[in-house]
Amino acid sequence: MARATVSTKYQVVIPKKVRDEMGIEPGQKVQVIPYMGRIELIPIRDIKEGRGFLDGIDTTIEREPDRQ
């Protein structure tokens, strides 16, 4: 488990192992969410990185008779 220290300016350095695992780059934005007594940092990704992640999904749906 990685640890970090809060500086006098309330800054936190994300440990290298975590940065590498999550692919966090310098200058990248993260969402900060307080949740059930803890702080979660969620990397904000460029929308272009998500392109194609639904490839192969079945998009056929049964339509209701009044929606055709």
C-alpha atoms as a PDB file:
ATOM      1  CA  MET A   1       0.000   0.000   0.000  1.00  0.00           C
ATOM      2  CA  ALA A   2       1.408   3.377  -1.018  1.00  0.00           C
ATOM      3  CA  ARG A   3       1.409   6.373   1.312  1.00  0.00           C
ATOM      4  CA  ALA A   4       1.491  10.105   0.741  1.00  0.00           C
ATOM      5  CA  THR A   5       1.912  13.107   3.034  1.00  0.00           C
ATOM      6  CA  VAL A   6      -0.098  16.308   2.922  1.00  0.00           C
ATOM      7  CA  SER A   7       2.257  19.317   2.754  1.00  0.00           C
ATOM      8  CA  THR A   8       1.766  22.597   4.595  1.00  0.00           C
ATOM      9  CA  LYS A   9       0.193  23.878   1.344  1.00  0.00           C
ATOM     10  CA  TYR A  10      -2.211  20.898   1.346  1.00  0.00           C
ATOM     11  CA  GLN A  11      -0.470  19.333  -1.629  1.00  0.00           C
ATOM     12  CA  VAL A  12      -0.164  15.587  -2.079  1.00  0.00           C
ATOM     13  CA  VAL A  13       2.293  13.753  -4.331  1.00  0.00           C
ATOM     14  CA  ILE A  14       0.855  10.620  -5.916  1.00  0.00           C
ATOM     15  CA  PRO A  15       3.424   7.831  -5.455  1.00  0.00           C
ATOM     16  CA  LYS A  16       5.258   6.767  -8.634  1.00  0.00           C
ATOM     17  CA  LYS A  17       3.973   3.195  -8.483  1.00  0.00           C
ATOM     18  CA  VAL A  18       0.375   4.459  -8.480  1.00  0.00           C
ATOM     19  CA  ARG A  19       1.037   7.043 -11.216  1.00  0.00           C
ATOM     20  CA  ASP A  20       2.583   4.380 -13.424  1.00  0.00           C
ATOM     21  CA  GLU A  21      -0.224   1.883 -12.769  1.00  0.00           C
ATOM     22  CA  MET A  22      -2.922   4.457 -13.518  1.00  0.00           C
ATOM     23  CA  GLY A  23      -1.110   6.125 -16.424  1.00  0.00           C
ATOM     24  CA  ILE A  24      -1.253   9.571 -14.804  1.00  0.00           C
ATOM     25  CA  GLU A  25       0.831  12.199 -16.599  1.00  0.00           C
ATOM     26  CA  PRO A  26       2.110  15.594 -15.352  1.00  0.00           C
ATOM     27  CA  GLY A  27      -0.551  18.269 -15.733  1.00  0.00           C
ATOM     28  CA  GLN A  28      -3.376  15.742 -16.012  1.00  0.00           C
ATOM     29  CA  LYS A  29      -6.568  16.650 -14.169  1.00  0.00           C
ATOM     30  CA  VAL A  30      -8.167  14.383 -11.569  1.00  0.00           C
ATOM     31  CA  GLN A  31     -11.642  14.471 -10.082  1.00  0.00           C
ATOM     32  CA  VAL A  32     -11.524  14.754  -6.259  1.00  0.00           C
ATOM     33  CA  ILE A  33     -14.446  13.073  -4.530  1.00  0.00           C
ATOM     34  CA  PRO A  34     -15.021  12.776  -0.774  1.00  0.00           C
ATOM     35  CA  TYR A  35     -16.707   9.418  -0.211  1.00  0.00           C
ATOM     36  CA  MET A  36     -17.590   7.678   3.048  1.00  0.00           C
ATOM     37  CA  GLY A  37     -14.717   9.185   5.049  1.00  0.00           C
ATOM     38  CA  ARG A  38     -12.081   8.883   2.327  1.00  0.00           C
ATOM     39  CA  ILE A  39     -10.861  10.882  -0.662  1.00  0.00           C
ATOM     40  CA  GLU A  40     -10.962   9.377  -4.130  1.00  0.00           C
ATOM     41  CA  LEU A  41      -8.904  10.760  -7.012  1.00  0.00           C
ATOM     42  CA  ILE A  42     -10.267   9.779 -10.410  1.00  0.00           C
ATOM     43  CA  PRO A  43      -8.148  10.567 -13.489  1.00  0.00           C
ATOM     44  CA  ILE A  44     -10.014  12.599 -16.085  1.00  0.00           C
ATOM     45  CA  ARG A  45      -9.372  11.058 -19.470  1.00  0.00           C
ATOM     46  CA  ASP A  46      -9.665  12.643 -22.893  1.00  0.00           C
ATOM     47  CA  ILE A  47     -12.909  11.577 -24.578  1.00  0.00           C
ATOM     48  CA  LYS A  48     -10.879  10.342 -27.557  1.00  0.00           C
ATOM     49  CA  GLU A  49      -9.341   7.621 -25.349  1.00  0.00           C
ATOM     50  CA  GLY A  50     -12.784   6.016 -25.045  1.00  0.00           C
ATOM     51  CA  ARG A  51     -13.247   5.655 -28.780  1.00  0.00           C
ATOM     52  CA  GLY A  52     -14.014   2.062 -29.698  1.00  0.00           C
ATOM     53  CA  PHE A  53     -14.466   0.741 -26.155  1.00  0.00           C
ATOM     54  CA  LEU A  54     -17.949  -0.508 -27.075  1.00  0.00           C
ATOM     55  CA  ASP A  55     -16.834  -2.401 -30.184  1.00  0.00           C
ATOM     56  CA  GLY A  56     -18.646  -5.697 -30.427  1.00  0.00           C
ATOM     57  CA  ILE A  57     -21.568  -4.720 -28.203  1.00  0.00           C
ATOM     58  CA  ASP A  58     -24.927  -6.076 -29.351  1.00  0.00           C
ATOM     59  CA  THR A  59     -26.966  -3.038 -30.380  1.00  0.00           C
ATOM     60  CA  THR A  60     -30.030  -4.924 -31.563  1.00  0.00           C
ATOM     61  CA  ILE A  61     -33.023  -4.271 -29.364  1.00  0.00           C
ATOM     62  CA  GLU A  62     -36.625  -5.313 -29.600  1.00  0.00           C
ATOM     63  CA  ARG A  63     -38.707  -2.257 -30.321  1.00  0.00           C
ATOM     64  CA  GLU A  64     -42.120  -1.763 -28.848  1.00  0.00           C
ATOM     65  CA  PRO A  65     -44.896  -1.962 -31.469  1.00  0.00           C
ATOM     66  CA  ASP A  66     -45.795   1.724 -31.122  1.00  0.00           C
ATOM     67  CA  ARG A  67     -42.143   2.807 -31.578  1.00  0.00           C
ATOM     68  CA  GLN A  68     -41.479   1.485 -35.075  1.00  0.00           C
END
